[in-house]
Amino acid sequence: MADPEAVNGVDDATDKKQKKSSKHDGGAADLERVTDYAEEKEITSHNLCSNAANLFEDKRNKENEEKLAMERELQKVHVKKEDIELIIREMEITRSKAEQTLRVHRGDVVAALEALTN
């Protein structure tokens, strides 16, 4: 009779190996699709992170510019040395804080003291 492994001229062992390899090839193709999707997703999330970082940096720069402009404006306000000394004595705060508060309130001692007490 015919060899048990060979049927219709095809070897069963070879046939099984071909089926296994085709089965694994399909899995490899699926894996490739998933990997491509993940790589695209990583790229877009990287772009989003860099865009978000740029937005925060722009906002921070804008705030710093506004702060510098405000400080320049406050430097133009003239305050009396006696007023600064009064606030330092009464409120027991640093000279820079007293001077800044006076400048914000345009040299008005009463308004500066009220702001510091509230």
PDB file of N, CA and C in Angstrom:
ATOM      1  N   MET A   1       0.813  -1.166   0.000  1.00  0.00           N
ATOM      2  CA  MET A   1       0.000   0.000   0.000  1.00  0.00           C
ATOM      3  C   MET A   1       0.866   1.242   0.000  1.00  0.00           C
ATOM      4  N   ALA A   2       0.266   2.406  -0.039  1.00  0.00           N
ATOM      5  CA  ALA A   2       1.013   3.659  -0.104  1.00  0.00           C
ATOM      6  C   ALA A   2       1.603   3.991   1.257  1.00  0.00           C
ATOM      7  N   ASP A   3       2.614   4.782   1.201  1.00  0.00           N
ATOM      8  CA  ASP A   3       3.270   5.223   2.428  1.00  0.00           C
ATOM      9  C   ASP A   3       2.271   6.043   3.249  1.00  0.00           C
ATOM     10  N   PRO A   4       2.154   5.815   4.586  1.00  0.00           N
ATOM     11  CA  PRO A   4       1.139   6.530   5.362  1.00  0.00           C
ATOM     12  C   PRO A   4       1.355   8.044   5.377  1.00  0.00           C
ATOM     13  N   GLU A   5       2.572   8.480   5.168  1.00  0.00           N
ATOM     14  CA  GLU A   5       2.807   9.917   5.195  1.00  0.00           C
ATOM     15  C   GLU A   5       2.480  10.573   3.862  1.00  0.00           C
ATOM     16  N   ALA A   6       2.531   9.827   2.786  1.00  0.00           N
ATOM     17  CA  ALA A   6       2.287  10.402   1.473  1.00  0.00           C
ATOM     18  C   ALA A   6       0.897  10.034   1.006  1.00  0.00           C
ATOM     19  N   VAL A   7       0.062  10.993   0.803  1.00  0.00           N
ATOM     20  CA  VAL A   7      -1.286  10.774   0.303  1.00  0.00           C
ATOM     21  C   VAL A   7      -1.455  11.679  -0.904  1.00  0.00           C
ATOM     22  N   ASN A   8      -1.926  11.097  -1.997  1.00  0.00           N
ATOM     23  CA  ASN A   8      -2.122  11.825  -3.240  1.00  0.00           C
ATOM     24  C   ASN A   8      -0.859  12.567  -3.674  1.00  0.00           C
ATOM     25  N   GLY A   9       0.270  12.045  -3.372  1.00  0.00           N
ATOM     26  CA  GLY A   9       1.516  12.633  -3.831  1.00  0.00           C
ATOM     27  C   GLY A   9       1.986  13.796  -2.971  1.00  0.00           C
ATOM     28  N   VAL A  10       1.284  14.108  -1.897  1.00  0.00           N
ATOM     29  CA  VAL A  10       1.671  15.225  -1.023  1.00  0.00           C
ATOM     30  C   VAL A  10       1.997  14.654   0.340  1.00  0.00           C
ATOM     31  N   ASP A  11       3.047  15.075   0.886  1.00  0.00           N
ATOM     32  CA  ASP A  11       3.477  14.609   2.198  1.00  0.00           C
ATOM     33  C   ASP A  11       2.679  15.342   3.272  1.00  0.00           C
ATOM     34  N   ASP A  12       2.064  14.603   4.236  1.00  0.00           N
ATOM     35  CA  ASP A  12       1.257  15.220   5.296  1.00  0.00           C
ATOM     36  C   ASP A  12       2.100  16.136   6.181  1.00  0.00           C
ATOM     37  N   ALA A  13       3.302  15.733   6.477  1.00  0.00           N
ATOM     38  CA  ALA A  13       4.166  16.542   7.337  1.00  0.00           C
ATOM     39  C   ALA A  13       4.469  17.880   6.671  1.00  0.00           C
ATOM     40  N   THR A  14       4.738  17.854   5.380  1.00  0.00           N
ATOM     41  CA  THR A  14       5.013  19.085   4.650  1.00  0.00           C
ATOM     42  C   THR A  14       3.773  19.957   4.612  1.00  0.00           C
ATOM     43  N   ASP A  15       2.619  19.341   4.413  1.00  0.00           N
ATOM     44  CA  ASP A  15       1.353  20.068   4.370  1.00  0.00           C
ATOM     45  C   ASP A  15       1.085  20.766   5.703  1.00  0.00           C
ATOM     46  N   LYS A  16       1.348  20.063   6.809  1.00  0.00           N
ATOM     47  CA  LYS A  16       1.121  20.646   8.135  1.00  0.00           C
ATOM     48  C   LYS A  16       2.071  21.818   8.376  1.00  0.00           C
ATOM     49  N   LYS A  17       3.313  21.688   7.944  1.00  0.00           N
ATOM     50  CA  LYS A  17       4.287  22.772   8.115  1.00  0.00           C
ATOM     51  C   LYS A  17       3.872  24.005   7.325  1.00  0.00           C
ATOM     52  N   GLN A  18       3.343  23.790   6.119  1.00  0.00           N
ATOM     53  CA  GLN A  18       2.895  24.910   5.306  1.00  0.00           C
ATOM     54  C   GLN A  18       1.712  25.612   5.959  1.00  0.00           C
ATOM     55  N   LYS A  19       0.797  24.829   6.538  1.00  0.00           N
ATOM     56  CA  LYS A  19      -0.357  25.428   7.205  1.00  0.00           C
ATOM     57  C   LYS A  19       0.091  26.240   8.423  1.00  0.00           C
ATOM     58  N   LYS A  20       1.052  25.676   9.179  1.00  0.00           N
ATOM     59  CA  LYS A  20       1.553  26.390  10.352  1.00  0.00           C
ATOM     60  C   LYS A  20       2.247  27.687   9.944  1.00  0.00           C
ATOM     61  N   SER A  21       3.064  27.619   8.902  1.00  0.00           N
ATOM     62  CA  SER A  21       3.793  28.815   8.487  1.00  0.00           C
ATOM     63  C   SER A  21       2.837  29.881   7.968  1.00  0.00           C
ATOM     64  N   SER A  22       1.791  29.461   7.244  1.00  0.00           N
ATOM     65  CA  SER A  22       0.833  30.458   6.765  1.00  0.00           C
ATOM     66  C   SER A  22       0.047  31.048   7.935  1.00  0.00           C
ATOM     67  N   LYS A  23      -0.216  30.220   8.940  1.00  0.00           N
ATOM     68  CA  LYS A  23      -0.917  30.703  10.128  1.00  0.00           C
ATOM     69  C   LYS A  23      -0.061  31.744  10.855  1.00  0.00           C
ATOM     70  N   HIS A  24       1.227  31.480  10.993  1.00  0.00           N
ATOM     71  CA  HIS A  24       2.130  32.403  11.672  1.00  0.00           C
ATOM     72  C   HIS A  24       2.378  33.655  10.832  1.00  0.00           C
ATOM     73  N   ASP A  25       2.363  33.524   9.522  1.00  0.00           N
ATOM     74  CA  ASP A  25       2.543  34.686   8.662  1.00  0.00           C
ATOM     75  C   ASP A  25       1.399  35.671   8.842  1.00  0.00           C
ATOM     76  N   GLY A  26       0.202  35.166   8.982  1.00  0.00           N
ATOM     77  CA  GLY A  26      -0.957  36.039   9.209  1.00  0.00           C
ATOM     78  C   GLY A  26      -0.820  36.789  10.523  1.00  0.00           C
ATOM     79  N   GLY A  27      -0.319  36.112  11.544  1.00  0.00           N
ATOM     80  CA  GLY A  27      -0.091  36.753  12.836  1.00  0.00           C
ATOM     81  C   GLY A  27       0.972  37.831  12.739  1.00  0.00           C
ATOM     82  N   ALA A  28       1.999  37.569  11.951  1.00  0.00           N
ATOM     83  CA  ALA A  28       3.060  38.556  11.772  1.00  0.00           C
ATOM     84  C   ALA A  28       2.524  39.793  11.063  1.00  0.00           C
ATOM     85  N   ALA A  29       1.651  39.575  10.079  1.00  0.00           N
ATOM     86  CA  ALA A  29       1.056  40.707   9.370  1.00  0.00           C
ATOM     87  C   ALA A  29       0.184  41.526  10.318  1.00  0.00           C
ATOM     88  N   ASP A  30      -0.588  40.827  11.166  1.00  0.00           N
ATOM     89  CA  ASP A  30      -1.412  41.534  12.148  1.00  0.00           C
ATOM     90  C   ASP A  30      -0.541  42.329  13.109  1.00  0.00           C
ATOM     91  N   LEU A  31       0.542  41.726  13.547  1.00  0.00           N
ATOM     92  CA  LEU A  31       1.457  42.395  14.458  1.00  0.00           C
ATOM     93  C   LEU A  31       2.055  43.634  13.800  1.00  0.00           C
ATOM     94  N   GLU A  32       2.364  43.533  12.531  1.00  0.00           N
ATOM     95  CA  GLU A  32       2.927  44.671  11.806  1.00  0.00           C
ATOM     96  C   GLU A  32       1.927  45.831  11.754  1.00  0.00           C
ATOM     97  N   ARG A  33       0.659  45.512  11.520  1.00  0.00           N
ATOM     98  CA  ARG A  33      -0.371  46.559  11.492  1.00  0.00           C
ATOM     99  C   ARG A  33      -0.493  47.242  12.851  1.00  0.00           C
ATOM    100  N   VAL A  34      -0.481  46.457  13.905  1.00  0.00           N
ATOM    101  CA  VAL A  34      -0.586  47.020  15.252  1.00  0.00           C
ATOM    102  C   VAL A  34       0.625  47.888  15.559  1.00  0.00           C
ATOM    103  N   THR A  35       1.798  47.428  15.185  1.00  0.00           N
ATOM    104  CA  THR A  35       3.021  48.179  15.435  1.00  0.00           C
ATOM    105  C   THR A  35       2.995  49.496  14.680  1.00  0.00           C
ATOM    106  N   ASP A  36       2.565  49.486  13.428  1.00  0.00           N
ATOM    107  CA  ASP A  36       2.472  50.720  12.656  1.00  0.00           C
ATOM    108  C   ASP A  36       1.526  51.695  13.329  1.00  0.00           C
ATOM    109  N   TYR A  37       0.402  51.219  13.804  1.00  0.00           N
ATOM    110  CA  TYR A  37      -0.580  52.081  14.460  1.00  0.00           C
ATOM    111  C   TYR A  37       0.018  52.695  15.723  1.00  0.00           C
ATOM    112  N   ALA A  38       0.723  51.878  16.496  1.00  0.00           N
ATOM    113  CA  ALA A  38       1.319  52.373  17.741  1.00  0.00           C
ATOM    114  C   ALA A  38       2.382  53.420  17.441  1.00  0.00           C
ATOM    115  N   GLU A  39       3.186  53.213  16.410  1.00  0.00           N
ATOM    116  CA  GLU A  39       4.214  54.185  16.064  1.00  0.00           C
ATOM    117  C   GLU A  39       3.592  55.502  15.629  1.00  0.00           C
ATOM    118  N   GLU A  40       2.522  55.459  14.848  1.00  0.00           N
ATOM    119  CA  GLU A  40       1.841  56.680  14.444  1.00  0.00           C
ATOM    120  C   GLU A  40       1.276  57.402  15.654  1.00  0.00           C
ATOM    121  N   LYS A  41       0.730  56.634  16.576  1.00  0.00           N
ATOM    122  CA  LYS A  41       0.158  57.219  17.775  1.00  0.00           C
ATOM    123  C   LYS A  41       1.241  57.899  18.605  1.00  0.00           C
ATOM    124  N   GLU A  42       2.418  57.287  18.707  1.00  0.00           N
ATOM    125  CA  GLU A  42       3.518  57.886  19.449  1.00  0.00           C
ATOM    126  C   GLU A  42       3.953  59.192  18.815  1.00  0.00           C
ATOM    127  N   ILE A  43       4.002  59.232  17.515  1.00  0.00           N
ATOM    128  CA  ILE A  43       4.409  60.442  16.814  1.00  0.00           C
ATOM    129  C   ILE A  43       3.420  61.563  17.085  1.00  0.00           C
ATOM    130  N   THR A  44       2.143  61.274  16.990  1.00  0.00           N
ATOM    131  CA  THR A  44       1.158  62.326  17.207  1.00  0.00           C
ATOM    132  C   THR A  44       1.154  62.785  18.650  1.00  0.00           C
ATOM    133  N   SER A  45       1.337  61.883  19.602  1.00  0.00           N
ATOM    134  CA  SER A  45       1.365  62.316  20.997  1.00  0.00           C
ATOM    135  C   SER A  45       2.624  63.137  21.269  1.00  0.00           C
ATOM    136  N   HIS A  46       3.723  62.828  20.593  1.00  0.00           N
ATOM    137  CA  HIS A  46       4.937  63.639  20.737  1.00  0.00           C
ATOM    138  C   HIS A  46       4.681  65.038  20.195  1.00  0.00           C
ATOM    139  N   ASN A  47       4.010  65.120  19.047  1.00  0.00           N
ATOM    140  CA  ASN A  47       3.694  66.426  18.475  1.00  0.00           C
ATOM    141  C   ASN A  47       2.782  67.214  19.400  1.00  0.00           C
ATOM    142  N   LEU A  48       1.812  66.540  19.999  1.00  0.00           N
ATOM    143  CA  LEU A  48       0.906  67.218  20.917  1.00  0.00           C
ATOM    144  C   LEU A  48       1.657  67.752  22.127  1.00  0.00           C
ATOM    145  N   CYS A  49       2.579  66.960  22.636  1.00  0.00           N
ATOM    146  CA  CYS A  49       3.363  67.399  23.798  1.00  0.00           C
ATOM    147  C   CYS A  49       4.209  68.616  23.450  1.00  0.00           C
ATOM    148  N   SER A  50       4.826  68.580  22.287  1.00  0.00           N
ATOM    149  CA  SER A  50       5.669  69.718  21.911  1.00  0.00           C
ATOM    150  C   SER A  50       4.813  70.955  21.652  1.00  0.00           C
ATOM    151  N   ASN A  51       3.626  70.777  21.065  1.00  0.00           N
ATOM    152  CA  ASN A  51       2.737  71.914  20.855  1.00  0.00           C
ATOM    153  C   ASN A  51       2.266  72.487  22.180  1.00  0.00           C
ATOM    154  N   ALA A  52       1.926  71.627  23.118  1.00  0.00           N
ATOM    155  CA  ALA A  52       1.483  72.087  24.433  1.00  0.00           C
ATOM    156  C   ALA A  52       2.617  72.813  25.150  1.00  0.00           C
ATOM    157  N   ALA A  53       3.822  72.283  25.042  1.00  0.00           N
ATOM    158  CA  ALA A  53       4.971  72.931  25.675  1.00  0.00           C
ATOM    159  C   ALA A  53       5.202  74.312  25.069  1.00  0.00           C
ATOM    160  N   ASN A  54       5.047  74.423  23.753  1.00  0.00           N
ATOM    161  CA  ASN A  54       5.210  75.722  23.098  1.00  0.00           C
ATOM    162  C   ASN A  54       4.155  76.710  23.569  1.00  0.00           C
ATOM    163  N   LEU A  55       2.922  76.242  23.731  1.00  0.00           N
ATOM    164  CA  LEU A  55       1.862  77.128  24.204  1.00  0.00           C
ATOM    165  C   LEU A  55       2.150  77.628  25.613  1.00  0.00           C
ATOM    166  N   PHE A  56       2.586  76.726  26.491  1.00  0.00           N
ATOM    167  CA  PHE A  56       2.905  77.138  27.858  1.00  0.00           C
ATOM    168  C   PHE A  56       4.081  78.109  27.877  1.00  0.00           C
ATOM    169  N   GLU A  57       5.064  77.848  27.038  1.00  0.00           N
ATOM    170  CA  GLU A  57       6.226  78.731  26.983  1.00  0.00           C
ATOM    171  C   GLU A  57       5.825  80.116  26.479  1.00  0.00           C
ATOM    172  N   ASP A  58       4.980  80.163  25.453  1.00  0.00           N
ATOM    173  CA  ASP A  58       4.504  81.446  24.942  1.00  0.00           C
ATOM    174  C   ASP A  58       3.728  82.204  26.008  1.00  0.00           C
ATOM    175  N   LYS A  59       2.880  81.486  26.734  1.00  0.00           N
ATOM    176  CA  LYS A  59       2.093  82.127  27.785  1.00  0.00           C
ATOM    177  C   LYS A  59       3.006  82.671  28.881  1.00  0.00           C
ATOM    178  N   ARG A  60       4.000  81.879  29.274  1.00  0.00           N
ATOM    179  CA  ARG A  60       4.939  82.312  30.311  1.00  0.00           C
ATOM    180  C   ARG A  60       5.710  83.546  29.852  1.00  0.00           C
ATOM    181  N   ASN A  61       6.153  83.556  28.594  1.00  0.00           N
ATOM    182  CA  ASN A  61       6.880  84.710  28.068  1.00  0.00           C
ATOM    183  C   ASN A  61       6.004  85.951  28.061  1.00  0.00           C
ATOM    184  N   LYS A  62       4.752  85.776  27.685  1.00  0.00           N
ATOM    185  CA  LYS A  62       3.820  86.904  27.656  1.00  0.00           C
ATOM    186  C   LYS A  62       3.601  87.457  29.061  1.00  0.00           C
ATOM    187  N   GLU A  63       3.440  86.562  30.034  1.00  0.00           N
ATOM    188  CA  GLU A  63       3.257  87.001  31.420  1.00  0.00           C
ATOM    189  C   GLU A  63       4.498  87.721  31.934  1.00  0.00           C
ATOM    190  N   ASN A  64       5.672  87.224  31.576  1.00  0.00           N
ATOM    191  CA  ASN A  64       6.915  87.879  31.997  1.00  0.00           C
ATOM    192  C   ASN A  64       7.042  89.268  31.390  1.00  0.00           C
ATOM    193  N   GLU A  65       6.657  89.418  30.130  1.00  0.00           N
ATOM    194  CA  GLU A  65       6.702  90.724  29.481  1.00  0.00           C
ATOM    195  C   GLU A  65       5.746  91.695  30.162  1.00  0.00           C
ATOM    196  N   GLU A  66       4.543  91.219  30.492  1.00  0.00           N
ATOM    197  CA  GLU A  66       3.575  92.071  31.179  1.00  0.00           C
ATOM    198  C   GLU A  66       4.088  92.470  32.560  1.00  0.00           C
ATOM    199  N   LYS A  67       4.727  91.527  33.243  1.00  0.00           N
ATOM    200  CA  LYS A  67       5.271  91.807  34.574  1.00  0.00           C
ATOM    201  C   LYS A  67       6.374  92.857  34.484  1.00  0.00           C
ATOM    202  N   LEU A  68       7.253  92.722  33.490  1.00  0.00           N
ATOM    203  CA  LEU A  68       8.325  93.702  33.311  1.00  0.00           C
ATOM    204  C   LEU A  68       7.766  95.081  32.974  1.00  0.00           C
ATOM    205  N   ALA A  69       6.738  95.116  32.143  1.00  0.00           N
ATOM    206  CA  ALA A  69       6.116  96.393  31.801  1.00  0.00           C
ATOM    207  C   ALA A  69       5.499  97.036  33.039  1.00  0.00           C
ATOM    208  N   MET A  70       4.864  96.222  33.882  1.00  0.00           N
ATOM    209  CA  MET A  70       4.263  96.730  35.114  1.00  0.00           C
ATOM    210  C   MET A  70       5.340  97.267  36.059  1.00  0.00           C
ATOM    211  N   GLU A  71       6.458  96.535  36.176  1.00  0.00           N
ATOM    212  CA  GLU A  71       7.554  96.990  37.036  1.00  0.00           C
ATOM    213  C   GLU A  71       8.153  98.296  36.528  1.00  0.00           C
ATOM    214  N   ARG A  72       8.289  98.437  35.216  1.00  0.00           N
ATOM    215  CA  ARG A  72       8.800  99.694  34.652  1.00  0.00           C
ATOM    216  C   ARG A  72       7.858 100.842  34.969  1.00  0.00           C
ATOM    217  N   GLU A  73       6.569 100.573  34.864  1.00  0.00           N
ATOM    218  CA  GLU A  73       5.567 101.596  35.161  1.00  0.00           C
ATOM    219  C   GLU A  73       5.621 101.987  36.640  1.00  0.00           C
ATOM    220  N   LEU A  74       5.795 100.996  37.507  1.00  0.00           N
ATOM    221  CA  LEU A  74       5.857 101.282  38.944  1.00  0.00           C
ATOM    222  C   LEU A  74       7.135 102.032  39.312  1.00  0.00           C
ATOM    223  N   GLN A  75       8.211 101.819  38.580  1.00  0.00           N
ATOM    224  CA  GLN A  75       9.458 102.528  38.862  1.00  0.00           C
ATOM    225  C   GLN A  75       9.329 104.025  38.609  1.00  0.00           C
ATOM    226  N   LYS A  76       8.387 104.414  37.783  1.00  0.00           N
ATOM    227  CA  LYS A  76       8.164 105.828  37.484  1.00  0.00           C
ATOM    228  C   LYS A  76       7.482 106.556  38.639  1.00  0.00           C
ATOM    229  N   VAL A  77       6.825 105.816  39.525  1.00  0.00           N
ATOM    230  CA  VAL A  77       6.116 106.425  40.646  1.00  0.00           C
ATOM    231  C   VAL A  77       7.136 106.824  41.713  1.00  0.00           C
ATOM    232  N   HIS A  78       7.051 108.080  42.155  1.00  0.00           N
ATOM    233  CA  HIS A  78       7.954 108.569  43.193  1.00  0.00           C
ATOM    234  C   HIS A  78       7.300 108.384  44.550  1.00  0.00           C
ATOM    235  N   VAL A  79       8.070 107.817  45.477  1.00  0.00           N
ATOM    236  CA  VAL A  79       7.575 107.623  46.845  1.00  0.00           C
ATOM    237  C   VAL A  79       8.544 108.295  47.809  1.00  0.00           C
ATOM    238  N   LYS A  80       8.006 108.746  48.922  1.00  0.00           N
ATOM    239  CA  LYS A  80       8.825 109.428  49.924  1.00  0.00           C
ATOM    240  C   LYS A  80       9.484 108.403  50.844  1.00  0.00           C
ATOM    241  N   LYS A  81      10.695 108.720  51.240  1.00  0.00           N
ATOM    242  CA  LYS A  81      11.443 107.842  52.127  1.00  0.00           C
ATOM    243  C   LYS A  81      10.738 107.720  53.479  1.00  0.00           C
ATOM    244  N   GLU A  82      10.144 108.814  53.944  1.00  0.00           N
ATOM    245  CA  GLU A  82       9.435 108.800  55.229  1.00  0.00           C
ATOM    246  C   GLU A  82       8.241 107.852  55.186  1.00  0.00           C
ATOM    247  N   ASP A  83       7.558 107.820  54.047  1.00  0.00           N
ATOM    248  CA  ASP A  83       6.399 106.927  53.905  1.00  0.00           C
ATOM    249  C   ASP A  83       6.836 105.461  53.963  1.00  0.00           C
ATOM    250  N   ILE A  84       7.946 105.169  53.325  1.00  0.00           N
ATOM    251  CA  ILE A  84       8.468 103.797  53.349  1.00  0.00           C
ATOM    252  C   ILE A  84       8.837 103.407  54.778  1.00  0.00           C
ATOM    253  N   GLU A  85       9.521 104.322  55.487  1.00  0.00           N
ATOM    254  CA  GLU A  85       9.924 104.048  56.869  1.00  0.00           C
ATOM    255  C   GLU A  85       8.709 103.847  57.767  1.00  0.00           C
ATOM    256  N   LEU A  86       7.668 104.642  57.562  1.00  0.00           N
ATOM    257  CA  LEU A  86       6.442 104.510  58.354  1.00  0.00           C
ATOM    258  C   LEU A  86       5.824 103.123  58.170  1.00  0.00           C
ATOM    259  N   ILE A  87       5.729 102.685  56.935  1.00  0.00           N
ATOM    260  CA  ILE A  87       5.130 101.372  56.651  1.00  0.00           C
ATOM    261  C   ILE A  87       5.999 100.252  57.232  1.00  0.00           C
ATOM    262  N   ILE A  88       7.316 100.395  57.129  1.00  0.00           N
ATOM    263  CA  ILE A  88       8.216  99.373  57.683  1.00  0.00           C
ATOM    264  C   ILE A  88       8.019  99.258  59.193  1.00  0.00           C
ATOM    265  N   ARG A  89       7.944 100.411  59.877  1.00  0.00           N
ATOM    266  CA  ARG A  89       7.776 100.400  61.335  1.00  0.00           C
ATOM    267  C   ARG A  89       6.419  99.854  61.753  1.00  0.00           C
ATOM    268  N   GLU A  90       5.366 100.331  61.104  1.00  0.00           N
ATOM    269  CA  GLU A  90       4.013  99.971  61.524  1.00  0.00           C
ATOM    270  C   GLU A  90       3.649  98.525  61.171  1.00  0.00           C
ATOM    271  N   MET A  91       4.042  98.091  60.002  1.00  0.00           N
ATOM    272  CA  MET A  91       3.621  96.768  59.532  1.00  0.00           C
ATOM    273  C   MET A  91       4.686  95.690  59.749  1.00  0.00           C
ATOM    274  N   GLU A  92       5.889  96.115  60.096  1.00  0.00           N
ATOM    275  CA  GLU A  92       7.006  95.193  60.313  1.00  0.00           C
ATOM    276  C   GLU A  92       7.234  94.274  59.106  1.00  0.00           C
ATOM    277  N   ILE A  93       7.415  94.918  57.975  1.00  0.00           N
ATOM    278  CA  ILE A  93       7.684  94.192  56.731  1.00  0.00           C
ATOM    279  C   ILE A  93       9.004  94.682  56.150  1.00  0.00           C
ATOM    280  N   THR A  94       9.468  94.032  55.110  1.00  0.00           N
ATOM    281  CA  THR A  94      10.744  94.408  54.491  1.00  0.00           C
ATOM    282  C   THR A  94      10.604  95.708  53.713  1.00  0.00           C
ATOM    283  N   ARG A  95      11.743  96.337  53.487  1.00  0.00           N
ATOM    284  CA  ARG A  95      11.766  97.601  52.751  1.00  0.00           C
ATOM    285  C   ARG A  95      11.226  97.409  51.328  1.00  0.00           C
ATOM    286  N   SER A  96      11.622  96.330  50.675  1.00  0.00           N
ATOM    287  CA  SER A  96      11.189  96.118  49.287  1.00  0.00           C
ATOM    288  C   SER A  96       9.673  95.929  49.202  1.00  0.00           C
ATOM    289  N   LYS A  97       9.104  95.193  50.159  1.00  0.00           N
ATOM    290  CA  LYS A  97       7.654  94.983  50.171  1.00  0.00           C
ATOM    291  C   LYS A  97       6.930  96.302  50.440  1.00  0.00           C
ATOM    292  N   ALA A  98       7.450  97.094  51.359  1.00  0.00           N
ATOM    293  CA  ALA A  98       6.835  98.389  51.672  1.00  0.00           C
ATOM    294  C   ALA A  98       6.897  99.321  50.462  1.00  0.00           C
ATOM    295  N   GLU A  99       8.048  99.360  49.827  1.00  0.00           N
ATOM    296  CA  GLU A  99       8.218 100.227  48.661  1.00  0.00           C
ATOM    297  C   GLU A  99       7.322  99.779  47.507  1.00  0.00           C
ATOM    298  N   GLN A 100       7.248  98.485  47.288  1.00  0.00           N
ATOM    299  CA  GLN A 100       6.408  97.966  46.206  1.00  0.00           C
ATOM    300  C   GLN A 100       4.938  98.298  46.454  1.00  0.00           C
ATOM    301  N   THR A 101       4.486  98.108  47.688  1.00  0.00           N
ATOM    302  CA  THR A 101       3.089  98.394  48.012  1.00  0.00           C
ATOM    303  C   THR A 101       2.791  99.874  47.824  1.00  0.00           C
ATOM    304  N   LEU A 102       3.705 100.727  48.247  1.00  0.00           N
ATOM    305  CA  LEU A 102       3.519 102.169  48.051  1.00  0.00           C
ATOM    306  C   LEU A 102       3.460 102.521  46.570  1.00  0.00           C
ATOM    307  N   ARG A 103       4.319 101.917  45.772  1.00  0.00           N
ATOM    308  CA  ARG A 103       4.321 102.209  44.334  1.00  0.00           C
ATOM    309  C   ARG A 103       3.024 101.734  43.671  1.00  0.00           C
ATOM    310  N   VAL A 104       2.534 100.576  44.088  1.00  0.00           N
ATOM    311  CA  VAL A 104       1.280 100.065  43.516  1.00  0.00           C
ATOM    312  C   VAL A 104       0.134 101.025  43.810  1.00  0.00           C
ATOM    313  N   HIS A 105       0.169 101.637  44.997  1.00  0.00           N
ATOM    314  CA  HIS A 105      -0.901 102.564  45.388  1.00  0.00           C
ATOM    315  C   HIS A 105      -0.535 104.013  45.088  1.00  0.00           C
ATOM    316  N   ARG A 106       0.389 104.215  44.183  1.00  0.00           N
ATOM    317  CA  ARG A 106       0.785 105.523  43.661  1.00  0.00           C
ATOM    318  C   ARG A 106       1.224 106.497  44.754  1.00  0.00           C
ATOM    319  N   GLY A 107       1.901 105.950  45.771  1.00  0.00           N
ATOM    320  CA  GLY A 107       2.446 106.796  46.830  1.00  0.00           C
ATOM    321  C   GLY A 107       1.462 107.147  47.927  1.00  0.00           C
ATOM    322  N   ASP A 108       0.256 106.629  47.883  1.00  0.00           N
ATOM    323  CA  ASP A 108      -0.757 106.908  48.904  1.00  0.00           C
ATOM    324  C   ASP A 108      -0.517 105.991  50.109  1.00  0.00           C
ATOM    325  N   VAL A 109      -0.053 106.595  51.226  1.00  0.00           N
ATOM    326  CA  VAL A 109       0.307 105.818  52.411  1.00  0.00           C
ATOM    327  C   VAL A 109      -0.905 105.139  53.016  1.00  0.00           C
ATOM    328  N   VAL A 110      -2.012 105.852  53.107  1.00  0.00           N
ATOM    329  CA  VAL A 110      -3.217 105.297  53.727  1.00  0.00           C
ATOM    330  C   VAL A 110      -3.707 104.080  52.936  1.00  0.00           C
ATOM    331  N   ALA A 111      -3.761 104.197  51.625  1.00  0.00           N
ATOM    332  CA  ALA A 111      -4.218 103.082  50.788  1.00  0.00           C
ATOM    333  C   ALA A 111      -3.260 101.893  50.902  1.00  0.00           C
ATOM    334  N   ALA A 112      -1.966 102.168  50.971  1.00  0.00           N
ATOM    335  CA  ALA A 112      -0.975 101.098  51.104  1.00  0.00           C
ATOM    336  C   ALA A 112      -1.130 100.379  52.440  1.00  0.00           C
ATOM    337  N   LEU A 113      -1.329 101.140  53.520  1.00  0.00           N
ATOM    338  CA  LEU A 113      -1.521 100.530  54.837  1.00  0.00           C
ATOM    339  C   LEU A 113      -2.802  99.702  54.880  1.00  0.00           C
ATOM    340  N   GLU A 114      -3.865 100.215  54.271  1.00  0.00           N
ATOM    341  CA  GLU A 114      -5.127  99.455  54.227  1.00  0.00           C
ATOM    342  C   GLU A 114      -4.946  98.148  53.455  1.00  0.00           C
ATOM    343  N   ALA A 115      -4.223  98.219  52.365  1.00  0.00           N
ATOM    344  CA  ALA A 115      -3.999  97.013  51.559  1.00  0.00           C
ATOM    345  C   ALA A 115      -3.176  95.986  52.333  1.00  0.00           C
ATOM    346  N   LEU A 116      -2.217  96.452  53.096  1.00  0.00           N
ATOM    347  CA  LEU A 116      -1.378  95.527  53.863  1.00  0.00           C
ATOM    348  C   LEU A 116      -2.115  94.921  55.050  1.00  0.00           C
ATOM    349  N   THR A 117      -3.078  95.638  55.606  1.00  0.00           N
ATOM    350  CA  THR A 117      -3.818  95.091  56.748  1.00  0.00           C
ATOM    351  C   THR A 117      -4.909  94.133  56.306  1.00  0.00           C
ATOM    352  N   ASN A 118      -5.391  94.269  55.106  1.00  0.00           N
ATOM    353  CA  ASN A 118      -6.456  93.375  54.620  1.00  0.00           C
ATOM    354  C   ASN A 118      -5.933  92.140  54.053  1.00  0.00           C
TER     355      ASN A 118
END
